[in-house]
N, C-alpha and C. Protein backbone atom coordinates (compact mmCIF):
# COMPACT_ATOMS: atom_id res chain seq x y z
N MET A 1 107.40 103.65 60.85
CA MET A 1 106.19 104.23 60.34
C MET A 1 106.41 105.79 61.06
N SER A 2 106.24 106.81 59.79
CA SER A 2 106.23 108.08 60.51
C SER A 2 104.88 108.69 60.68
N SER A 3 104.62 109.46 61.33
CA SER A 3 103.26 110.25 61.63
C SER A 3 103.33 111.42 61.14
N GLU A 4 102.76 111.95 59.87
CA GLU A 4 102.80 112.85 59.21
C GLU A 4 101.84 113.35 59.66
N THR A 5 101.57 114.81 59.85
CA THR A 5 100.41 115.59 59.92
C THR A 5 100.18 116.19 58.67
N PRO A 6 98.41 116.03 58.47
CA PRO A 6 98.06 116.42 56.93
C PRO A 6 98.02 117.86 56.72
N LEU A 7 98.35 118.17 55.75
CA LEU A 7 98.43 119.76 55.13
C LEU A 7 97.09 120.50 55.51
N GLU A 8 97.05 121.55 55.69
CA GLU A 8 95.93 122.41 56.16
C GLU A 8 96.04 123.80 55.28
N ARG A 9 94.78 124.01 54.49
CA ARG A 9 94.39 125.27 54.10
C ARG A 9 93.29 126.07 54.63
N TYR A 10 93.69 127.45 54.98
CA TYR A 10 92.50 128.15 56.01
C TYR A 10 91.67 129.37 55.05
N ILE A 11 90.67 129.00 55.28
CA ILE A 11 89.52 130.21 54.38
C ILE A 11 88.76 130.80 55.64
N VAL A 12 88.97 132.03 55.75
CA VAL A 12 88.64 133.11 56.95
C VAL A 12 87.60 133.97 55.95
N PHE A 13 86.41 133.95 56.97
CA PHE A 13 85.39 134.77 56.33
C PHE A 13 85.31 136.01 57.41
N GLY A 14 84.94 137.26 56.63
CA GLY A 14 84.84 138.30 57.42
C GLY A 14 84.06 139.55 56.49
N TYR A 15 83.93 140.96 57.00
CA TYR A 15 83.49 141.87 56.47
C TYR A 15 84.53 143.00 56.06
N LYS A 16 84.06 143.79 54.85
CA LYS A 16 85.06 144.87 54.49
C LYS A 16 83.87 145.86 54.29
N THR A 17 84.45 147.01 54.13
CA THR A 17 83.78 148.46 54.15
C THR A 17 84.17 148.67 52.62
N VAL A 18 83.54 149.00 51.91
CA VAL A 18 83.83 149.45 50.26
C VAL A 18 82.83 150.57 50.04
N GLY A 19 83.43 151.05 48.86
CA GLY A 19 82.54 152.31 48.42
C GLY A 19 83.23 153.65 48.64
N LYS A 20 83.53 154.78 47.78
CA LYS A 20 83.77 155.88 48.14
C LYS A 20 82.64 156.66 48.40
N LYS A 21 81.44 156.44 47.46
CA LYS A 21 80.28 157.64 47.80
C LYS A 21 79.15 156.68 48.64
N TRP A 22 78.97 155.71 48.38
CA TRP A 22 78.19 154.92 49.19
C TRP A 22 78.77 153.84 49.65
N ARG A 23 79.27 154.19 51.02
CA ARG A 23 79.69 153.17 51.86
C ARG A 23 79.00 151.97 52.61
N ARG A 24 79.53 150.69 52.06
CA ARG A 24 78.62 149.55 52.54
C ARG A 24 79.74 148.44 52.75
N ARG A 25 78.88 147.53 53.59
CA ARG A 25 79.83 146.35 54.30
C ARG A 25 79.65 145.32 53.33
N ILE A 26 80.48 144.53 52.92
CA ILE A 26 80.27 143.46 52.14
C ILE A 26 81.30 142.18 52.58
N GLU A 27 80.62 140.97 52.57
CA GLU A 27 81.23 139.58 53.18
C GLU A 27 82.29 139.25 52.14
N VAL A 28 83.57 138.89 52.50
CA VAL A 28 84.60 138.57 52.02
C VAL A 28 84.95 137.16 52.51
N SER A 29 85.85 136.33 51.95
CA SER A 29 86.64 135.40 52.23
C SER A 29 87.95 135.61 51.85
N ARG A 30 88.93 135.32 52.83
CA ARG A 30 90.48 135.17 52.62
C ARG A 30 91.04 133.97 52.64
N PHE A 31 92.02 133.55 52.07
CA PHE A 31 92.58 132.55 51.73
C PHE A 31 94.16 132.58 52.35
N TYR A 32 94.41 131.41 53.11
CA TYR A 32 95.61 131.50 53.87
C TYR A 32 96.32 130.13 53.74
N HIS A 33 97.85 130.29 53.81
CA HIS A 33 98.47 128.86 53.57
C HIS A 33 98.48 128.30 54.98
N SER A 34 98.87 129.01 56.06
CA SER A 34 98.60 128.48 57.19
C SER A 34 97.67 129.34 58.37
N GLY A 35 97.67 129.18 59.43
CA GLY A 35 96.49 129.86 60.19
C GLY A 35 96.72 131.25 60.20
N PRO A 36 95.64 131.98 59.99
CA PRO A 36 95.63 133.46 60.13
C PRO A 36 96.09 133.99 61.02
N VAL A 37 96.96 135.13 60.69
CA VAL A 37 97.77 136.08 61.78
C VAL A 37 97.42 137.32 61.31
N ARG A 38 97.26 138.24 62.56
CA ARG A 38 96.66 139.43 62.10
C ARG A 38 98.15 140.50 61.52
N GLY A 39 97.71 141.19 60.76
CA GLY A 39 98.56 141.81 60.02
C GLY A 39 99.32 141.22 58.41
N VAL A 40 98.91 139.96 58.49
CA VAL A 40 99.51 139.22 57.17
C VAL A 40 98.56 139.22 56.38
N LYS A 41 98.92 139.72 54.98
CA LYS A 41 97.98 139.68 53.93
C LYS A 41 97.66 138.15 53.24
N PRO A 42 96.59 138.02 53.27
CA PRO A 42 96.00 136.59 52.71
C PRO A 42 96.72 136.65 51.42
N PHE A 43 96.72 135.19 50.53
CA PHE A 43 97.62 135.04 49.26
C PHE A 43 96.35 135.43 48.12
N PHE A 44 94.96 135.21 48.88
CA PHE A 44 93.98 135.75 47.46
C PHE A 44 92.76 136.04 48.68
N GLU A 45 91.97 136.92 48.20
CA GLU A 45 90.83 137.45 48.61
C GLU A 45 89.64 137.64 47.70
N ALA A 46 88.48 137.31 47.85
CA ALA A 46 87.34 137.18 47.31
C ALA A 46 85.81 138.04 47.92
N ARG A 47 84.98 138.41 47.21
CA ARG A 47 83.94 138.78 47.80
C ARG A 47 82.96 137.90 47.51
N VAL A 48 83.05 136.84 48.25
CA VAL A 48 82.18 135.63 48.13
C VAL A 48 81.68 135.16 49.40
N GLY A 49 80.55 134.95 49.64
CA GLY A 49 80.05 134.49 51.32
C GLY A 49 80.59 132.88 51.38
N LYS A 50 80.33 132.74 52.72
CA LYS A 50 80.83 131.27 53.28
C LYS A 50 79.87 130.22 52.68
N GLY A 51 78.52 130.53 52.58
CA GLY A 51 77.59 129.56 52.05
C GLY A 51 77.90 129.28 50.71
N HIS A 52 78.49 130.01 49.65
CA HIS A 52 78.47 129.61 48.52
C HIS A 52 79.95 128.68 48.45
N ILE A 53 80.70 129.12 49.37
CA ILE A 53 82.22 128.10 49.27
C ILE A 53 81.96 127.23 49.97
N ALA A 54 81.02 126.86 51.20
CA ALA A 54 80.96 125.71 51.57
C ALA A 54 80.05 124.61 50.78
N SER A 55 79.17 125.21 50.11
CA SER A 55 78.38 124.45 48.95
C SER A 55 79.37 123.90 47.91
N PHE A 56 80.26 124.74 47.49
CA PHE A 56 81.19 124.42 46.32
C PHE A 56 81.96 123.45 46.89
N LEU A 57 82.63 123.62 48.11
CA LEU A 57 83.33 122.33 48.58
C LEU A 57 82.67 121.14 48.90
N ASP A 58 81.34 121.08 49.39
CA ASP A 58 80.72 119.79 49.49
C ASP A 58 80.54 119.40 48.05
N SER A 59 80.41 120.27 46.76
CA SER A 59 80.25 119.46 45.42
C SER A 59 81.32 118.73 45.02
N ILE A 60 82.42 119.29 45.41
CA ILE A 60 83.85 118.88 44.66
C ILE A 60 84.17 117.76 45.49
N SER A 61 83.52 117.24 46.78
CA SER A 61 84.00 116.07 47.71
C SER A 61 85.20 116.77 48.51
N ALA A 62 85.51 117.81 48.79
CA ALA A 62 86.75 118.16 49.80
C ALA A 62 86.40 117.99 51.09
N GLN A 63 87.53 117.52 51.75
CA GLN A 63 87.34 116.96 53.21
C GLN A 63 87.78 118.62 54.00
N TYR A 64 87.05 119.12 54.52
CA TYR A 64 86.98 120.34 55.32
C TYR A 64 86.23 120.54 56.65
N LYS A 65 86.61 121.20 57.52
CA LYS A 65 85.99 121.09 58.70
C LYS A 65 85.82 122.72 59.33
N ARG A 66 84.67 123.09 60.08
CA ARG A 66 84.75 124.31 60.17
C ARG A 66 85.13 124.39 61.66
N ILE A 67 86.21 125.32 61.75
CA ILE A 67 87.00 125.66 63.34
C ILE A 67 85.97 126.60 64.16
N SER A 68 85.19 127.44 63.55
CA SER A 68 84.18 128.51 64.02
C SER A 68 83.41 128.75 62.97
N ASP A 69 82.50 129.75 63.16
CA ASP A 69 81.79 130.42 62.13
C ASP A 69 82.11 130.79 61.20
N ASN A 70 83.47 131.40 61.35
CA ASN A 70 84.25 132.32 60.39
C ASN A 70 85.50 131.55 59.81
N ILE A 71 85.77 130.46 60.29
CA ILE A 71 86.98 129.68 59.71
C ILE A 71 86.61 128.36 59.30
N ILE A 72 86.95 128.27 58.12
CA ILE A 72 87.14 126.81 57.36
C ILE A 72 88.32 126.41 57.18
N VAL A 73 88.77 125.01 57.44
CA VAL A 73 89.99 124.67 57.23
C VAL A 73 89.71 123.07 56.13
N VAL A 74 90.47 123.45 55.23
CA VAL A 74 90.63 122.61 54.39
C VAL A 74 91.86 121.66 54.36
N TYR A 75 91.84 120.25 54.55
CA TYR A 75 92.64 119.52 54.86
C TYR A 75 92.57 118.23 54.00
N GLY A 76 93.94 117.23 54.59
CA GLY A 76 93.85 116.20 53.83
C GLY A 76 94.98 115.95 52.95
N SER A 77 95.44 114.72 52.21
CA SER A 77 96.47 114.44 51.69
C SER A 77 96.98 115.69 50.57
N ASP A 78 96.08 116.09 49.91
CA ASP A 78 96.56 117.37 49.04
C ASP A 78 95.44 118.35 49.09
N PRO A 79 95.27 119.09 50.05
CA PRO A 79 94.37 120.30 50.09
C PRO A 79 94.29 121.41 49.04
N ASP A 80 95.68 121.58 48.55
CA ASP A 80 95.76 122.50 47.24
C ASP A 80 94.96 122.08 46.15
N TYR A 81 94.55 120.92 45.84
CA TYR A 81 93.61 120.60 44.59
C TYR A 81 92.37 121.00 44.99
N TYR A 82 92.07 121.39 45.90
CA TYR A 82 90.66 121.67 46.22
C TYR A 82 90.68 123.25 46.62
N ILE A 83 91.83 123.79 46.97
CA ILE A 83 91.93 125.11 47.39
C ILE A 83 92.10 125.81 46.09
N ARG A 84 92.81 125.34 45.02
CA ARG A 84 92.77 125.90 43.40
C ARG A 84 91.57 126.06 42.75
N ARG A 85 90.90 125.02 43.08
CA ARG A 85 89.69 124.95 42.31
C ARG A 85 88.59 126.19 42.94
N THR A 86 88.56 126.27 44.28
CA THR A 86 87.86 126.95 45.16
C THR A 86 88.26 128.47 44.89
N ILE A 87 89.55 128.90 44.70
CA ILE A 87 89.92 130.08 44.09
C ILE A 87 89.59 130.12 42.78
N VAL A 88 89.41 129.47 41.95
CA VAL A 88 89.10 129.69 40.54
C VAL A 88 87.42 130.28 40.47
N TYR A 89 86.98 129.43 41.39
CA TYR A 89 85.61 129.44 41.43
C TYR A 89 84.99 130.70 41.90
N THR A 90 85.56 131.05 43.40
CA THR A 90 85.35 132.64 43.87
C THR A 90 85.95 133.54 43.00
N GLY A 91 87.26 133.75 42.39
CA GLY A 91 87.66 134.58 41.77
C GLY A 91 86.67 134.98 40.64
N ILE A 92 86.09 134.04 40.07
CA ILE A 92 84.93 134.45 38.75
C ILE A 92 84.00 134.47 39.19
N ARG A 93 83.17 133.94 40.42
CA ARG A 93 82.00 134.02 41.05
C ARG A 93 81.36 135.25 41.48
N GLN A 94 82.47 136.14 41.61
CA GLN A 94 82.37 137.17 42.37
C GLN A 94 81.75 138.44 41.47
N TYR A 95 81.89 138.01 40.07
CA TYR A 95 82.00 138.93 39.18
C TYR A 95 80.94 138.68 38.09
N ILE A 96 80.21 137.33 38.33
CA ILE A 96 79.28 136.90 37.60
C ILE A 96 77.81 136.91 38.17
N ASP A 97 76.75 137.52 37.60
CA ASP A 97 75.34 137.46 38.04
C ASP A 97 75.17 135.87 38.46
N PRO A 98 74.66 135.77 39.84
CA PRO A 98 74.57 134.05 40.22
C PRO A 98 73.63 133.49 39.55
N GLY A 99 72.33 134.51 38.83
CA GLY A 99 71.30 133.58 38.17
C GLY A 99 71.73 133.69 36.44
N ALA A 100 72.86 134.26 36.19
CA ALA A 100 72.87 133.92 34.74
C ALA A 100 73.75 132.62 34.35
N TYR A 101 74.67 132.41 35.19
CA TYR A 101 75.11 131.00 34.73
C TYR A 101 75.75 130.16 35.84
N GLU A 102 75.65 129.04 36.05
CA GLU A 102 75.99 127.95 37.19
C GLU A 102 77.46 127.73 36.60
N ILE A 103 78.65 128.35 37.36
CA ILE A 103 80.15 128.23 36.91
C ILE A 103 80.49 126.94 37.98
N ARG A 104 79.69 126.25 38.90
CA ARG A 104 80.10 125.04 39.64
C ARG A 104 80.56 124.13 39.06
N GLU A 105 79.71 123.76 38.09
CA GLU A 105 79.92 122.52 37.42
C GLU A 105 80.97 122.88 36.42
N LEU A 106 81.20 124.00 35.92
CA LEU A 106 82.06 124.18 34.95
C LEU A 106 83.51 124.00 35.58
N VAL A 107 83.67 124.76 36.63
CA VAL A 107 85.08 124.57 37.49
C VAL A 107 85.32 123.29 37.87
N ALA A 108 84.36 122.59 38.30
CA ALA A 108 84.57 120.92 38.84
C ALA A 108 84.83 120.25 37.79
N LYS A 109 84.19 120.40 36.46
CA LYS A 109 84.83 119.65 35.37
C LYS A 109 86.34 119.94 34.61
N MET A 110 86.58 121.08 35.14
CA MET A 110 88.10 121.32 34.34
C MET A 110 89.09 120.56 34.54
N SER A 111 90.00 120.50 33.69
CA SER A 111 91.13 119.48 34.13
C SER A 111 92.05 120.33 34.79
N GLU A 112 93.03 119.61 35.48
CA GLU A 112 94.04 120.04 36.53
C GLU A 112 94.79 121.43 35.70
N ILE A 113 95.22 120.98 34.36
CA ILE A 113 95.86 122.13 33.71
C ILE A 113 95.36 123.29 33.65
N GLU A 114 94.00 122.98 33.34
CA GLU A 114 93.08 124.55 33.39
C GLU A 114 93.11 125.29 34.81
N THR A 115 93.00 124.50 35.63
CA THR A 115 92.77 124.70 36.99
C THR A 115 93.82 125.42 37.40
N VAL A 116 95.03 124.95 37.20
CA VAL A 116 96.31 125.60 37.58
C VAL A 116 96.59 126.92 36.77
N PHE A 117 96.33 126.64 35.51
CA PHE A 117 96.45 128.11 34.64
C PHE A 117 95.59 129.33 35.29
N TRP A 118 94.36 129.11 35.47
CA TRP A 118 93.61 130.25 36.00
C TRP A 118 93.94 130.31 37.56
N TYR A 119 94.23 129.54 38.17
CA TYR A 119 94.44 129.70 39.47
C TYR A 119 95.87 130.77 39.55
N SER A 120 96.84 130.33 38.52
CA SER A 120 97.95 131.23 38.67
C SER A 120 97.63 132.56 38.35
N LYS A 121 96.58 132.67 37.08
CA LYS A 121 96.08 134.05 36.72
C LYS A 121 95.73 134.98 37.80
N LEU A 122 94.87 134.32 38.48
CA LEU A 122 94.10 135.14 39.63
C LEU A 122 94.89 135.60 40.62
N ILE A 123 96.11 134.32 41.12
CA ILE A 123 96.75 134.99 42.26
C ILE A 123 97.63 136.05 41.81
N TYR A 124 98.27 135.82 40.71
CA TYR A 124 99.18 137.05 40.43
C TYR A 124 98.37 138.21 40.11
N ALA A 125 97.25 138.16 39.60
CA ALA A 125 96.36 139.43 39.65
C ALA A 125 96.12 140.19 40.87
N TYR A 126 95.69 139.29 41.78
CA TYR A 126 95.63 139.62 43.06
C TYR A 126 96.85 140.23 43.61
N GLU A 127 97.92 139.72 43.55
CA GLU A 127 99.05 140.42 44.33
C GLU A 127 99.34 141.69 43.56
N ASN A 128 99.33 141.59 42.22
CA ASN A 128 99.96 142.96 41.89
C ASN A 128 98.86 144.07 41.42
N SER A 129 97.77 143.80 41.26
CA SER A 129 96.32 144.45 40.83
C SER A 129 95.30 144.52 41.80
N GLY A 130 95.19 143.58 42.72
CA GLY A 130 94.07 143.73 43.76
C GLY A 130 92.89 143.15 42.98
N TYR A 131 91.64 143.92 43.40
CA TYR A 131 90.26 143.58 43.09
C TYR A 131 90.18 143.80 41.67
N TRP A 132 90.86 144.90 40.73
CA TRP A 132 90.33 145.15 39.62
C TRP A 132 91.33 144.19 38.64
N GLY A 133 92.37 143.75 39.34
CA GLY A 133 93.32 142.86 38.43
C GLY A 133 92.62 141.60 38.21
N VAL A 134 91.92 141.19 39.35
CA VAL A 134 91.03 139.88 39.30
C VAL A 134 90.02 139.92 38.43
N TYR A 135 89.43 141.25 38.50
CA TYR A 135 88.11 141.24 37.52
C TYR A 135 88.59 140.76 36.11
N ARG A 136 89.98 141.70 35.44
CA ARG A 136 90.09 141.62 34.36
C ARG A 136 90.35 139.99 33.98
N VAL A 137 90.86 139.41 34.73
CA VAL A 137 91.18 137.80 34.65
C VAL A 137 89.82 137.23 34.61
N ALA A 138 88.68 137.46 35.38
CA ALA A 138 87.34 136.81 35.08
C ALA A 138 86.68 137.01 34.09
N LYS A 139 87.03 138.47 33.43
CA LYS A 139 86.42 139.07 32.30
C LYS A 139 87.00 138.05 31.15
N SER A 140 88.03 138.06 31.24
CA SER A 140 88.64 136.99 30.31
C SER A 140 88.31 135.41 30.38
N PHE A 141 88.04 135.14 31.39
CA PHE A 141 87.32 133.68 31.65
C PHE A 141 86.21 133.55 31.23
N ARG A 142 85.05 134.84 31.43
CA ARG A 142 83.96 134.81 30.79
C ARG A 142 83.67 134.95 29.16
N THR A 143 84.75 135.51 28.58
CA THR A 143 85.01 135.62 27.34
C THR A 143 85.19 134.20 26.75
N LEU A 144 86.11 133.42 27.14
CA LEU A 144 86.81 132.37 26.65
C LEU A 144 85.48 131.08 26.87
N TYR A 145 84.93 131.09 27.98
CA TYR A 145 84.03 130.17 28.04
C TYR A 145 82.52 130.40 27.99
N ARG A 146 82.40 131.75 27.47
CA ARG A 146 80.96 132.30 26.86
C ARG A 146 80.01 132.06 27.96
N ILE A 147 80.22 132.70 28.96
CA ILE A 147 79.23 132.57 30.60
C ILE A 147 78.58 133.97 30.03
């Protein structure tokens, strides 16, 4: 019997200063395949706080643990399943008014093919266009699902 270590994906929370005219600090979450390393760009970043992400992970029954106040580790035999849904949720959630519609149930009920589609669109948009590229994908999501 081989003892395999379970896969882990990291979500690191921090703050970012945004705005040219009115500078302000906002809470961001950064997603990493392995442990966070200084100077390495995350594969996705969203302007959603740790409370929203932790409650979403609870709602989809993900296995996770808090390493510190600013780091959550998603682990298990297939953490990518949960990370994909979390990225779709956070990518869309950062542009939708929280009182307008609860997208948590919508993302939790999505099929795996839908989840992979929106996940790949969001990742590609973040890598190539950053925040505003993700906004365009989220706007398409809102239009398609009539949110």
